[in-house]
Amino acid sequence: MNRLKDAIDLFHEVSFMATEIFHKGTSHDIFQHISPQQVELLKFLSLSSPASPGHLAIVQQVHKSAISNRLKKLYEKGFVKWIDSERDKRTKLVAITAEGERMLQQAEEAIYDEFCTLFKNICSEDVEAFIRIFTYVKEQLKKGEKET
């Protein structure tokens, strides 16, 4: 169990470092139009759209007012749209638009370029191991999500 704790701690440390590099390395022109936080929000919506603002606040670990501000800016740029919830007509959900998907793709290309430079010497076997391990972690997290 100690080694599992070490792995979890390492995961957090790597996640924090990657986030820091991502935020520092956003000198690409695309980031004159969209913030790293907005890119993260679009990425989540691309994977799990539609979502409620409250859920987005939980995922991004910020107050609902911060999410409201981000969503307002993304909406004004045409990157997200509001839709009615099918379960509760009083609830509004947010979804990514086709224009938002295009912006996300451009931002991800800039981000991937940065990380590919950092990891240019990694061997393909290590990449495959990384994918295998993170796929397993993702599956376990999904199982835990269903149980709560």
Protein backbone atom coordinates (compact mmCIF):
# COMPACT_ATOMS: atom_id res chain seq x y z
CA MET A 1 0.00 0.00 0.00
CA ASN A 2 2.96 2.34 0.62
CA ARG A 3 4.06 2.05 -3.01
CA LEU A 4 0.52 2.87 -4.13
CA LYS A 5 0.64 6.02 -1.99
CA ASP A 6 4.00 6.86 -3.60
CA ALA A 7 2.41 6.41 -7.04
CA ILE A 8 -0.54 8.65 -6.15
CA ASP A 9 1.79 11.31 -4.76
CA LEU A 10 3.89 11.10 -7.92
CA PHE A 11 0.77 11.42 -10.05
CA HIS A 12 -0.18 14.63 -8.19
CA GLU A 13 3.33 16.03 -8.50
CA VAL A 14 3.50 15.31 -12.24
CA SER A 15 0.03 16.78 -12.72
CA PHE A 16 1.01 19.99 -10.92
CA MET A 17 4.25 20.27 -12.89
CA ALA A 18 2.51 19.68 -16.20
CA THR A 19 -0.09 22.32 -15.34
CA GLU A 20 2.65 24.79 -14.47
CA ILE A 21 4.51 24.10 -17.73
CA PHE A 22 1.23 24.40 -19.64
CA HIS A 23 0.46 27.79 -18.09
CA LYS A 24 4.00 29.12 -18.53
CA GLY A 25 4.36 27.79 -22.05
CA THR A 26 1.29 29.43 -23.47
CA SER A 27 3.18 31.99 -25.54
CA HIS A 28 1.68 30.67 -28.78
CA ASP A 29 -0.50 33.19 -30.65
CA ILE A 30 -3.62 31.14 -29.98
CA PHE A 31 -3.42 32.05 -26.30
CA GLN A 32 -3.95 35.71 -27.14
CA HIS A 33 -7.58 34.69 -27.77
CA ILE A 34 -8.23 32.14 -25.03
CA SER A 35 -6.85 31.50 -21.55
CA PRO A 36 -5.39 28.16 -20.42
CA GLN A 37 -8.33 27.82 -18.00
CA GLN A 38 -10.78 28.32 -20.85
CA VAL A 39 -8.93 25.67 -22.89
CA GLU A 40 -9.25 23.24 -19.98
CA LEU A 41 -12.96 24.02 -19.79
CA LEU A 42 -13.41 23.41 -23.52
CA LYS A 43 -11.48 20.15 -23.22
CA PHE A 44 -13.78 18.92 -20.48
CA LEU A 45 -16.86 19.93 -22.49
CA SER A 46 -15.44 18.19 -25.53
CA LEU A 47 -15.22 14.98 -23.53
CA SER A 48 -18.35 15.35 -21.35
CA SER A 49 -20.78 17.75 -22.96
CA PRO A 50 -23.27 18.99 -21.94
CA ALA A 51 -22.54 19.85 -18.32
CA SER A 52 -23.94 22.13 -15.65
CA PRO A 53 -21.97 25.15 -14.48
CA GLY A 54 -21.94 23.66 -10.97
CA HIS A 55 -20.35 20.46 -12.21
CA LEU A 56 -17.78 22.45 -14.19
CA ALA A 57 -16.89 24.41 -11.04
CA ILE A 58 -16.26 21.14 -9.19
CA VAL A 59 -14.12 19.73 -12.01
CA GLN A 60 -12.02 22.90 -12.30
CA GLN A 61 -11.90 23.33 -8.52
CA VAL A 62 -13.07 26.93 -8.60
CA HIS A 63 -16.02 28.94 -7.32
CA LYS A 64 -19.15 29.04 -9.48
CA SER A 65 -18.57 32.75 -10.15
CA ALA A 66 -15.23 31.92 -11.82
CA ILE A 67 -16.96 29.37 -14.05
CA SER A 68 -19.70 31.88 -14.85
CA ASN A 69 -17.09 34.40 -15.98
CA ARG A 70 -15.27 31.81 -18.10
CA LEU A 71 -18.49 30.58 -19.67
CA LYS A 72 -19.61 34.15 -20.42
CA LYS A 73 -16.36 34.84 -22.30
CA LEU A 74 -16.51 31.52 -24.15
CA TYR A 75 -20.16 32.16 -25.06
CA GLU A 76 -19.36 35.65 -26.37
CA LYS A 77 -16.66 34.11 -28.60
CA GLY A 78 -19.08 31.48 -29.87
CA PHE A 79 -17.17 28.57 -28.32
CA VAL A 80 -20.03 27.30 -26.10
CA LYS A 81 -23.81 27.36 -26.19
CA TRP A 82 -26.53 27.05 -23.58
CA ILE A 83 -29.08 24.27 -23.85
CA ASP A 84 -32.07 23.25 -21.77
CA SER A 85 -31.74 20.21 -19.55
CA GLU A 86 -33.99 17.37 -20.62
CA ARG A 87 -34.52 16.35 -16.98
CA ASP A 88 -35.29 19.79 -15.52
CA LYS A 89 -36.41 22.62 -17.80
CA ARG A 90 -35.32 25.18 -15.19
CA THR A 91 -31.72 24.00 -15.54
CA LYS A 92 -29.40 25.24 -18.25
CA LEU A 93 -26.47 23.15 -19.43
CA VAL A 94 -23.48 24.25 -21.45
CA ALA A 95 -22.11 22.47 -24.51
CA ILE A 96 -19.16 23.09 -26.78
CA THR A 97 -19.88 24.42 -30.28
CA ALA A 98 -18.20 23.48 -33.55
CA GLU A 99 -16.24 26.74 -33.31
CA GLY A 100 -15.21 25.79 -29.77
CA GLU A 101 -14.00 22.41 -31.04
CA ARG A 102 -11.90 24.19 -33.71
CA MET A 103 -10.37 26.53 -31.11
CA LEU A 104 -9.68 23.58 -28.81
CA GLN A 105 -7.95 21.71 -31.62
CA GLN A 106 -5.70 24.70 -32.35
CA ALA A 107 -4.86 25.15 -28.66
CA GLU A 108 -4.16 21.44 -28.22
CA GLU A 109 -1.79 21.46 -31.18
CA ALA A 110 0.21 24.26 -29.52
CA ILE A 111 0.18 22.41 -26.19
CA TYR A 112 1.17 19.09 -27.78
CA ASP A 113 4.04 20.78 -29.60
CA GLU A 114 5.36 22.02 -26.24
CA PHE A 115 5.09 18.63 -24.56
CA CYS A 116 6.43 16.72 -27.57
CA THR A 117 9.55 18.87 -27.39
CA LEU A 118 9.94 18.00 -23.71
CA PHE A 119 9.50 14.27 -24.35
CA LYS A 120 11.26 13.97 -27.69
CA ASN A 121 13.66 11.31 -26.35
CA ILE A 122 11.07 9.00 -24.81
CA CYS A 123 11.01 5.55 -26.38
CA SER A 124 7.85 4.06 -27.88
CA GLU A 125 7.76 1.27 -25.28
CA ASP A 126 7.55 3.86 -22.50
CA VAL A 127 4.78 5.68 -24.34
CA GLU A 128 2.87 2.40 -24.66
CA ALA A 129 3.39 1.67 -20.93
CA PHE A 130 2.18 5.17 -20.08
CA ILE A 131 -0.96 4.71 -22.18
CA ARG A 132 -1.63 1.27 -20.69
CA ILE A 133 -1.25 2.49 -17.11
CA PHE A 134 -3.32 5.63 -17.57
CA THR A 135 -6.04 3.68 -19.37
CA TYR A 136 -6.21 1.38 -16.35
CA VAL A 137 -6.28 4.35 -13.94
CA LYS A 138 -9.07 5.95 -15.97
CA GLU A 139 -11.12 2.73 -15.88
CA GLN A 140 -10.70 2.47 -12.11
CA LEU A 141 -11.72 6.09 -11.63
CA LYS A 142 -14.81 5.54 -13.76
CA LYS A 143 -15.74 2.54 -11.62
CA GLY A 144 -15.32 4.64 -8.48
CA GLU A 145 -17.38 7.43 -10.03
CA LYS A 146 -20.27 5.02 -10.65
CA GLU A 147 -20.15 3.76 -7.07
CA THR A 148 -20.47 7.21 -5.51
